[in-house]
Amino acid sequence: MEAARYAALKLELAHLLGTDRPQYGARKSTLVQDLLAQARAGAANQPAAVTAGA
């Protein structure tokens, strides 16, 4: 699901690549930060992983 959101945003912003790369990066960064926050929140709610040899 997140990959689809990222891909859709990249397509939406593609026109900025040649004219306004800082805006392209800023708008893409907003989504990336949101996705990272969601991933971190999800990881915080997961039990600790058991590693081999531990």
Protein backbone atom coordinates (compact mmCIF):
# COMPACT_ATOMS: atom_id res chain seq x y z
CA MET A 1 0.00 0.00 0.00
CA GLU A 2 2.75 2.47 0.93
CA ALA A 3 4.66 1.67 -2.24
CA ALA A 4 1.58 2.56 -4.28
CA ARG A 5 1.25 5.90 -2.46
CA TYR A 6 4.92 6.66 -3.11
CA ALA A 7 4.66 5.71 -6.79
CA ALA A 8 1.51 7.79 -7.26
CA LEU A 9 3.16 10.81 -5.67
CA LYS A 10 6.26 10.45 -7.86
CA LEU A 11 4.04 10.41 -10.95
CA GLU A 12 2.13 13.43 -9.69
CA LEU A 13 5.35 15.35 -9.08
CA ALA A 14 7.26 14.23 -12.18
CA HIS A 15 6.66 17.55 -13.94
CA LEU A 16 8.67 19.28 -11.20
CA LEU A 17 11.85 17.34 -11.91
CA GLY A 18 12.86 19.62 -14.75
CA THR A 19 11.55 22.87 -13.32
CA ASP A 20 11.65 22.78 -9.52
CA ARG A 21 13.73 19.98 -8.04
CA PRO A 22 13.71 21.48 -4.51
CA GLN A 23 9.90 21.47 -4.50
CA TYR A 24 9.88 17.91 -5.88
CA GLY A 25 12.17 16.77 -3.08
CA ALA A 26 10.30 18.66 -0.39
CA ARG A 27 6.93 17.22 -1.36
CA LYS A 28 8.35 13.72 -1.68
CA SER A 29 10.13 14.10 1.65
CA THR A 30 6.85 14.87 3.39
CA LEU A 31 5.43 11.50 2.36
CA VAL A 32 8.65 9.66 3.18
CA GLN A 33 8.70 11.17 6.68
CA ASP A 34 5.07 10.16 7.19
CA LEU A 35 5.78 6.60 6.05
CA LEU A 36 8.83 6.37 8.33
CA ALA A 37 6.80 7.59 11.31
CA GLN A 38 4.14 4.96 10.60
CA ALA A 39 6.77 2.24 10.31
CA ARG A 40 8.41 3.28 13.56
CA ALA A 41 5.07 3.37 15.36
CA GLY A 42 4.24 -0.09 14.04
CA ALA A 43 7.63 -1.43 15.06
CA ALA A 44 7.18 -0.02 18.57
CA ASN A 45 3.98 -2.03 18.92
CA GLN A 46 5.63 -5.32 17.88
CA PRO A 47 7.19 -7.74 20.35
CA ALA A 48 10.98 -7.76 20.38
CA ALA A 49 12.47 -10.09 17.80
CA VAL A 50 14.30 -13.15 19.04
CA THR A 51 17.68 -13.46 17.39
CA ALA A 52 19.59 -16.67 16.83
CA GLY A 53 22.13 -17.36 19.54
CA ALA A 54 20.54 -14.98 22.00
